[in-house]
């Protein structure tokens, strides 16, 4: 029984990764890249650009946490 449970988890994880890949591909094809929310750090110099999307990462983390908590309740 333990192997069957692990197999289900791995298959579910694979499907989630596949769907996430399709979403990222669709977003890049539509030209919606870089949310540039307030709080994201962008430093531009002559030969150097540094972008740290801290607000975007926090927002995505919050959404995924809520999603997984809702899906995890049975």
PDB file of N, CA and C in Angstrom:
ATOM      1  N   UNK A   1       0.805  -1.192   0.000  1.00  0.00           N
ATOM      2  CA  UNK A   1       0.000   0.000   0.000  1.00  0.00           C
ATOM      3  C   UNK A   1       0.850   1.258   0.000  1.00  0.00           C
ATOM      4  N   UNK A   2       2.000   1.235   0.615  1.00  0.00           N
ATOM      5  CA  UNK A   2       2.837   2.425   0.686  1.00  0.00           C
ATOM      6  C   UNK A   2       3.363   2.819  -0.686  1.00  0.00           C
ATOM      7  N   UNK A   3       3.680   1.847  -1.503  1.00  0.00           N
ATOM      8  CA  UNK A   3       4.198   2.129  -2.843  1.00  0.00           C
ATOM      9  C   UNK A   3       3.099   2.737  -3.704  1.00  0.00           C
ATOM     10  N   UNK A   4       1.866   2.272  -3.555  1.00  0.00           N
ATOM     11  CA  UNK A   4       0.757   2.824  -4.323  1.00  0.00           C
ATOM     12  C   UNK A   4       0.514   4.284  -3.956  1.00  0.00           C
ATOM     13  N   UNK A   5       0.615   4.602  -2.673  1.00  0.00           N
ATOM     14  CA  UNK A   5       0.442   5.990  -2.229  1.00  0.00           C
ATOM     15  C   UNK A   5       1.529   6.892  -2.776  1.00  0.00           C
ATOM     16  N   UNK A   6       2.766   6.398  -2.753  1.00  0.00           N
ATOM     17  CA  UNK A   6       3.887   7.169  -3.291  1.00  0.00           C
ATOM     18  C   UNK A   6       3.739   7.366  -4.793  1.00  0.00           C
ATOM     19  N   UNK A   7       3.272   6.342  -5.486  1.00  0.00           N
ATOM     20  CA  UNK A   7       3.063   6.439  -6.931  1.00  0.00           C
ATOM     21  C   UNK A   7       2.012   7.499  -7.249  1.00  0.00           C
ATOM     22  N   UNK A   8       0.948   7.531  -6.487  1.00  0.00           N
ATOM     23  CA  UNK A   8      -0.091   8.555  -6.709  1.00  0.00           C
ATOM     24  C   UNK A   8       0.453   9.949  -6.481  1.00  0.00           C
ATOM     25  N   UNK A   9       1.240  10.105  -5.438  1.00  0.00           N
ATOM     26  CA  UNK A   9       1.829  11.418  -5.148  1.00  0.00           C
ATOM     27  C   UNK A   9       2.746  11.854  -6.279  1.00  0.00           C
ATOM     28  N   UNK A  10       3.583  10.959  -6.763  1.00  0.00           N
ATOM     29  CA  UNK A  10       4.504  11.294  -7.847  1.00  0.00           C
ATOM     30  C   UNK A  10       3.766  11.614  -9.144  1.00  0.00           C
ATOM     31  N   UNK A  11       2.731  10.865  -9.445  1.00  0.00           N
ATOM     32  CA  UNK A  11       1.943  11.134 -10.649  1.00  0.00           C
ATOM     33  C   UNK A  11       1.241  12.489 -10.530  1.00  0.00           C
ATOM     34  N   UNK A  12       0.672  12.770  -9.372  1.00  0.00           N
ATOM     35  CA  UNK A  12       0.011  14.056  -9.152  1.00  0.00           C
ATOM     36  C   UNK A  12       1.007  15.198  -9.275  1.00  0.00           C
ATOM     37  N   UNK A  13       2.177  15.032  -8.692  1.00  0.00           N
ATOM     38  CA  UNK A  13       3.217  16.053  -8.765  1.00  0.00           C
ATOM     39  C   UNK A  13       3.639  16.274 -10.212  1.00  0.00           C
ATOM     40  N   UNK A  14       3.762  15.216 -10.980  1.00  0.00           N
ATOM     41  CA  UNK A  14       4.124  15.327 -12.383  1.00  0.00           C
ATOM     42  C   UNK A  14       3.070  16.067 -13.191  1.00  0.00           C
ATOM     43  N   UNK A  15       1.815  15.789 -12.924  1.00  0.00           N
ATOM     44  CA  UNK A  15       0.730  16.475 -13.624  1.00  0.00           C
ATOM     45  C   UNK A  15       0.712  17.952 -13.269  1.00  0.00           C
ATOM     46  N   UNK A  16       0.938  18.268 -12.003  1.00  0.00           N
ATOM     47  CA  UNK A  16       0.983  19.671 -11.577  1.00  0.00           C
ATOM     48  C   UNK A  16       2.133  20.394 -12.267  1.00  0.00           C
ATOM     49  N   UNK A  17       3.304  19.770 -12.346  1.00  0.00           N
ATOM     50  CA  UNK A  17       4.434  20.383 -13.042  1.00  0.00           C
ATOM     51  C   UNK A  17       4.151  20.571 -14.523  1.00  0.00           C
ATOM     52  N   UNK A  18       3.495  19.610 -15.136  1.00  0.00           N
ATOM     53  CA  UNK A  18       3.147  19.711 -16.549  1.00  0.00           C
ATOM     54  C   UNK A  18       2.187  20.877 -16.783  1.00  0.00           C
ATOM     55  N   UNK A  19       1.176  20.992 -15.941  1.00  0.00           N
ATOM     56  CA  UNK A  19       0.229  22.098 -16.057  1.00  0.00           C
ATOM     57  C   UNK A  19       0.908  23.445 -15.823  1.00  0.00           C
ATOM     58  N   UNK A  20       1.808  23.497 -14.847  1.00  0.00           N
ATOM     59  CA  UNK A  20       2.542  24.740 -14.595  1.00  0.00           C
ATOM     60  C   UNK A  20       3.400  25.119 -15.800  1.00  0.00           C
ATOM     61  N   UNK A  21       3.997  24.130 -16.438  1.00  0.00           N
ATOM     62  CA  UNK A  21       4.782  24.389 -17.636  1.00  0.00           C
ATOM     63  C   UNK A  21       3.938  24.949 -18.761  1.00  0.00           C
ATOM     64  N   UNK A  22       2.736  24.400 -18.947  1.00  0.00           N
ATOM     65  CA  UNK A  22       1.837  24.915 -19.972  1.00  0.00           C
ATOM     66  C   UNK A  22       1.407  26.351 -19.672  1.00  0.00           C
ATOM     67  N   UNK A  23       1.162  26.646 -18.398  1.00  0.00           N
ATOM     68  CA  UNK A  23       0.772  28.001 -18.015  1.00  0.00           C
ATOM     69  C   UNK A  23       1.912  28.978 -18.295  1.00  0.00           C
ATOM     70  N   UNK A  24       3.132  28.612 -17.932  1.00  0.00           N
ATOM     71  CA  UNK A  24       4.285  29.480 -18.183  1.00  0.00           C
ATOM     72  C   UNK A  24       4.480  29.673 -19.681  1.00  0.00           C
ATOM     73  N   UNK A  25       4.336  28.625 -20.451  1.00  0.00           N
ATOM     74  CA  UNK A  25       4.473  28.720 -21.908  1.00  0.00           C
ATOM     75  C   UNK A  25       3.404  29.636 -22.496  1.00  0.00           C
ATOM     76  N   UNK A  26       2.169  29.488 -22.032  1.00  0.00           N
ATOM     77  CA  UNK A  26       1.084  30.334 -22.534  1.00  0.00           C
ATOM     78  C   UNK A  26       1.312  31.793 -22.171  1.00  0.00           C
ATOM     79  N   UNK A  27       1.782  32.038 -20.965  1.00  0.00           N
ATOM     80  CA  UNK A  27       2.046  33.417 -20.537  1.00  0.00           C
ATOM     81  C   UNK A  27       3.156  34.031 -21.375  1.00  0.00           C
ATOM     82  N   UNK A  28       4.204  33.271 -21.642  1.00  0.00           N
ATOM     83  CA  UNK A  28       5.311  33.816 -22.432  1.00  0.00           C
ATOM     84  C   UNK A  28       4.888  34.055 -23.880  1.00  0.00           C
ATOM     85  N   UNK A  29       4.021  33.210 -24.423  1.00  0.00           N
ATOM     86  CA  UNK A  29       3.543  33.401 -25.802  1.00  0.00           C
ATOM     87  C   UNK A  29       2.635  34.619 -25.913  1.00  0.00           C
ATOM     88  N   UNK A  30       1.898  34.925 -24.847  1.00  0.00           N
ATOM     89  CA  UNK A  30       1.009  36.081 -24.862  1.00  0.00           C
ATOM     90  C   UNK A  30       1.747  37.383 -24.583  1.00  0.00           C
ATOM     91  N   UNK A  31       2.993  37.281 -24.185  1.00  0.00           N
ATOM     92  CA  UNK A  31       3.779  38.484 -23.908  1.00  0.00           C
ATOM     93  C   UNK A  31       3.556  39.063 -22.526  1.00  0.00           C
ATOM     94  N   UNK A  32       2.964  38.286 -21.649  1.00  0.00           N
ATOM     95  CA  UNK A  32       2.732  38.750 -20.280  1.00  0.00           C
ATOM     96  C   UNK A  32       3.872  38.223 -19.421  1.00  0.00           C
ATOM     97  N   UNK A  33       4.962  38.939 -19.395  1.00  0.00           N
ATOM     98  CA  UNK A  33       6.104  38.511 -18.586  1.00  0.00           C
ATOM     99  C   UNK A  33       6.534  39.648 -17.683  1.00  0.00           C
ATOM    100  N   UNK A  34       7.004  39.318 -16.530  1.00  0.00           N
ATOM    101  CA  UNK A  34       7.488  40.326 -15.593  1.00  0.00           C
ATOM    102  C   UNK A  34       6.365  41.183 -15.058  1.00  0.00           C
ATOM    103  N   UNK A  35       5.823  40.816 -13.930  1.00  0.00           N
ATOM    104  CA  UNK A  35       4.693  41.550 -13.383  1.00  0.00           C
ATOM    105  C   UNK A  35       5.087  42.948 -12.930  1.00  0.00           C
ATOM    106  N   UNK A  36       6.314  43.112 -12.450  1.00  0.00           N
ATOM    107  CA  UNK A  36       6.817  44.404 -11.975  1.00  0.00           C
ATOM    108  C   UNK A  36       5.886  45.053 -10.949  1.00  0.00           C
ATOM    109  N   UNK A  37       5.627  44.324  -9.883  1.00  0.00           N
ATOM    110  CA  UNK A  37       4.795  44.846  -8.814  1.00  0.00           C
ATOM    111  C   UNK A  37       5.593  45.815  -7.952  1.00  0.00           C
ATOM    112  N   UNK A  38       4.904  46.725  -7.250  1.00  0.00           N
ATOM    113  CA  UNK A  38       5.620  47.587  -6.305  1.00  0.00           C
ATOM    114  C   UNK A  38       6.289  46.719  -5.236  1.00  0.00           C
ATOM    115  N   UNK A  39       7.523  46.967  -4.962  1.00  0.00           N
ATOM    116  CA  UNK A  39       8.280  46.164  -4.010  1.00  0.00           C
ATOM    117  C   UNK A  39       9.277  45.248  -4.693  1.00  0.00           C
ATOM    118  N   UNK A  40       9.127  45.020  -5.997  1.00  0.00           N
ATOM    119  CA  UNK A  40      10.127  44.275  -6.750  1.00  0.00           C
ATOM    120  C   UNK A  40      11.356  45.165  -6.921  1.00  0.00           C
ATOM    121  N   UNK A  41      12.522  44.584  -6.758  1.00  0.00           N
ATOM    122  CA  UNK A  41      13.764  45.351  -6.797  1.00  0.00           C
ATOM    123  C   UNK A  41      14.356  45.270  -8.203  1.00  0.00           C
ATOM    124  N   UNK A  42      14.626  46.428  -8.790  1.00  0.00           N
ATOM    125  CA  UNK A  42      15.237  46.513 -10.103  1.00  0.00           C
ATOM    126  C   UNK A  42      16.388  47.505 -10.040  1.00  0.00           C
ATOM    127  N   UNK A  43      17.585  47.022 -10.317  1.00  0.00           N
ATOM    128  CA  UNK A  43      18.780  47.876 -10.326  1.00  0.00           C
ATOM    129  C   UNK A  43      19.386  47.806 -11.718  1.00  0.00           C
ATOM    130  N   UNK A  44      19.523  48.958 -12.363  1.00  0.00           N
ATOM    131  CA  UNK A  44      20.135  49.013 -13.694  1.00  0.00           C
ATOM    132  C   UNK A  44      21.367  49.895 -13.638  1.00  0.00           C
ATOM    133  N   UNK A  45      22.453  49.363 -14.142  1.00  0.00           N
ATOM    134  CA  UNK A  45      23.712  50.100 -14.285  1.00  0.00           C
ATOM    135  C   UNK A  45      24.118  50.031 -15.748  1.00  0.00           C
ATOM    136  N   UNK A  46      25.278  50.510 -16.074  1.00  0.00           N
ATOM    137  CA  UNK A  46      25.726  50.515 -17.467  1.00  0.00           C
ATOM    138  C   UNK A  46      25.719  49.128 -18.093  1.00  0.00           C
ATOM    139  N   UNK A  47      26.450  48.210 -17.512  1.00  0.00           N
ATOM    140  CA  UNK A  47      26.580  46.863 -18.065  1.00  0.00           C
ATOM    141  C   UNK A  47      25.971  45.801 -17.164  1.00  0.00           C
ATOM    142  N   UNK A  48      25.009  46.192 -16.342  1.00  0.00           N
ATOM    143  CA  UNK A  48      24.509  45.271 -15.336  1.00  0.00           C
ATOM    144  C   UNK A  48      23.040  45.564 -15.052  1.00  0.00           C
ATOM    145  N   UNK A  49      22.236  44.524 -15.006  1.00  0.00           N
ATOM    146  CA  UNK A  49      20.831  44.646 -14.603  1.00  0.00           C
ATOM    147  C   UNK A  49      20.540  43.560 -13.585  1.00  0.00           C
ATOM    148  N   UNK A  50      19.957  43.958 -12.460  1.00  0.00           N
ATOM    149  CA  UNK A  50      19.602  43.023 -11.407  1.00  0.00           C
ATOM    150  C   UNK A  50      18.124  43.197 -11.106  1.00  0.00           C
ATOM    151  N   UNK A  51      17.364  42.116 -11.199  1.00  0.00           N
ATOM    152  CA  UNK A  51      15.929  42.143 -10.912  1.00  0.00           C
ATOM    153  C   UNK A  51      15.620  41.072  -9.887  1.00  0.00           C
ATOM    154  N   UNK A  52      15.068  41.469  -8.755  1.00  0.00           N
ATOM    155  CA  UNK A  52      14.693  40.545  -7.694  1.00  0.00           C
ATOM    156  C   UNK A  52      13.207  40.743  -7.396  1.00  0.00           C
ATOM    157  N   UNK A  53      12.346  39.858  -7.915  1.00  0.00           N
ATOM    158  CA  UNK A  53      10.891  40.050  -7.783  1.00  0.00           C
ATOM    159  C   UNK A  53      10.349  39.557  -6.447  1.00  0.00           C
ATOM    160  N   UNK A  54      10.729  40.227  -5.370  1.00  0.00           N
ATOM    161  CA  UNK A  54      10.352  39.747  -4.035  1.00  0.00           C
ATOM    162  C   UNK A  54       8.841  39.817  -3.812  1.00  0.00           C
ATOM    163  N   UNK A  55       8.190  40.887  -4.233  1.00  0.00           N
ATOM    164  CA  UNK A  55       6.743  40.996  -4.053  1.00  0.00           C
ATOM    165  C   UNK A  55       6.009  39.967  -4.904  1.00  0.00           C
ATOM    166  N   UNK A  56       6.474  39.763  -6.121  1.00  0.00           N
ATOM    167  CA  UNK A  56       5.862  38.771  -6.994  1.00  0.00           C
ATOM    168  C   UNK A  56       5.999  37.375  -6.395  1.00  0.00           C
ATOM    169  N   UNK A  57       7.175  37.059  -5.854  1.00  0.00           N
ATOM    170  CA  UNK A  57       7.382  35.742  -5.244  1.00  0.00           C
ATOM    171  C   UNK A  57       6.481  35.547  -4.030  1.00  0.00           C
ATOM    172  N   UNK A  58       6.322  36.586  -3.211  1.00  0.00           N
ATOM    173  CA  UNK A  58       5.448  36.482  -2.043  1.00  0.00           C
ATOM    174  C   UNK A  58       3.990  36.280  -2.454  1.00  0.00           C
ATOM    175  N   UNK A  59       3.564  36.987  -3.491  1.00  0.00           N
ATOM    176  CA  UNK A  59       2.189  36.846  -3.970  1.00  0.00           C
ATOM    177  C   UNK A  59       1.945  35.448  -4.537  1.00  0.00           C
ATOM    178  N   UNK A  60       2.867  34.936  -5.333  1.00  0.00           N
ATOM    179  CA  UNK A  60       2.729  33.590  -5.890  1.00  0.00           C
ATOM    180  C   UNK A  60       2.743  32.552  -4.770  1.00  0.00           C
ATOM    181  N   UNK A  61       3.593  32.739  -3.776  1.00  0.00           N
ATOM    182  CA  UNK A  61       3.650  31.824  -2.642  1.00  0.00           C
ATOM    183  C   UNK A  61       2.335  31.808  -1.877  1.00  0.00           C
ATOM    184  N   UNK A  62       1.756  32.972  -1.668  1.00  0.00           N
ATOM    185  CA  UNK A  62       0.476  33.066  -0.968  1.00  0.00           C
ATOM    186  C   UNK A  62      -0.628  32.356  -1.748  1.00  0.00           C
ATOM    187  N   UNK A  63      -0.691  32.593  -3.046  1.00  0.00           N
ATOM    188  CA  UNK A  63      -1.722  31.962  -3.878  1.00  0.00           C
ATOM    189  C   UNK A  63      -1.561  30.440  -3.881  1.00  0.00           C
ATOM    190  N   UNK A  64      -0.324  29.959  -4.050  1.00  0.00           N
ATOM    191  CA  UNK A  64      -0.098  28.513  -4.060  1.00  0.00           C
ATOM    192  C   UNK A  64      -0.394  27.877  -2.704  1.00  0.00           C
ATOM    193  N   UNK A  65      -0.047  28.561  -1.623  1.00  0.00           N
ATOM    194  CA  UNK A  65      -0.343  28.051  -0.287  1.00  0.00           C
ATOM    195  C   UNK A  65      -1.847  27.905  -0.085  1.00  0.00           C
ATOM    196  N   UNK A  66      -2.594  28.929  -0.456  1.00  0.00           N
ATOM    197  CA  UNK A  66      -4.050  28.854  -0.333  1.00  0.00           C
ATOM    198  C   UNK A  66      -4.625  27.759  -1.215  1.00  0.00           C
ATOM    199  N   UNK A  67      -4.127  27.639  -2.435  1.00  0.00           N
ATOM    200  CA  UNK A  67      -4.608  26.617  -3.359  1.00  0.00           C
ATOM    201  C   UNK A  67      -4.354  25.217  -2.821  1.00  0.00           C
ATOM    202  N   UNK A  68      -3.128  24.964  -2.365  1.00  0.00           N
ATOM    203  CA  UNK A  68      -2.793  23.631  -1.865  1.00  0.00           C
ATOM    204  C   UNK A  68      -3.534  23.313  -0.573  1.00  0.00           C
ATOM    205  N   UNK A  69      -3.776  24.320   0.270  1.00  0.00           N
ATOM    206  CA  UNK A  69      -4.550  24.072   1.487  1.00  0.00           C
ATOM    207  C   UNK A  69      -5.998  23.744   1.165  1.00  0.00           C
ATOM    208  N   UNK A  70      -6.564  24.408   0.166  1.00  0.00           N
ATOM    209  CA  UNK A  70      -7.940  24.106  -0.226  1.00  0.00           C
ATOM    210  C   UNK A  70      -8.052  22.747  -0.882  1.00  0.00           C
ATOM    211  N   UNK A  71      -7.065  22.388  -1.713  1.00  0.00           N
ATOM    212  CA  UNK A  71      -7.101  21.102  -2.387  1.00  0.00           C
ATOM    213  C   UNK A  71      -6.752  19.952  -1.436  1.00  0.00           C
ATOM    214  N   UNK A  72      -5.984  20.251  -0.395  1.00  0.00           N
ATOM    215  CA  UNK A  72      -5.556  19.218   0.533  1.00  0.00           C
ATOM    216  C   UNK A  72      -6.632  18.784   1.514  1.00  0.00           C
ATOM    217  N   UNK A  73      -7.660  19.580   1.673  1.00  0.00           N
ATOM    218  CA  UNK A  73      -8.741  19.234   2.612  1.00  0.00           C
ATOM    219  C   UNK A  73      -9.712  18.299   1.933  1.00  0.00           C
ATOM    220  N   UNK A  74      -9.959  17.187   2.562  1.00  0.00           N
ATOM    221  CA  UNK A  74     -10.916  16.222   1.995  1.00  0.00           C
ATOM    222  C   UNK A  74     -12.011  15.942   2.961  1.00  0.00           C
TER     223      UNK A  74
END
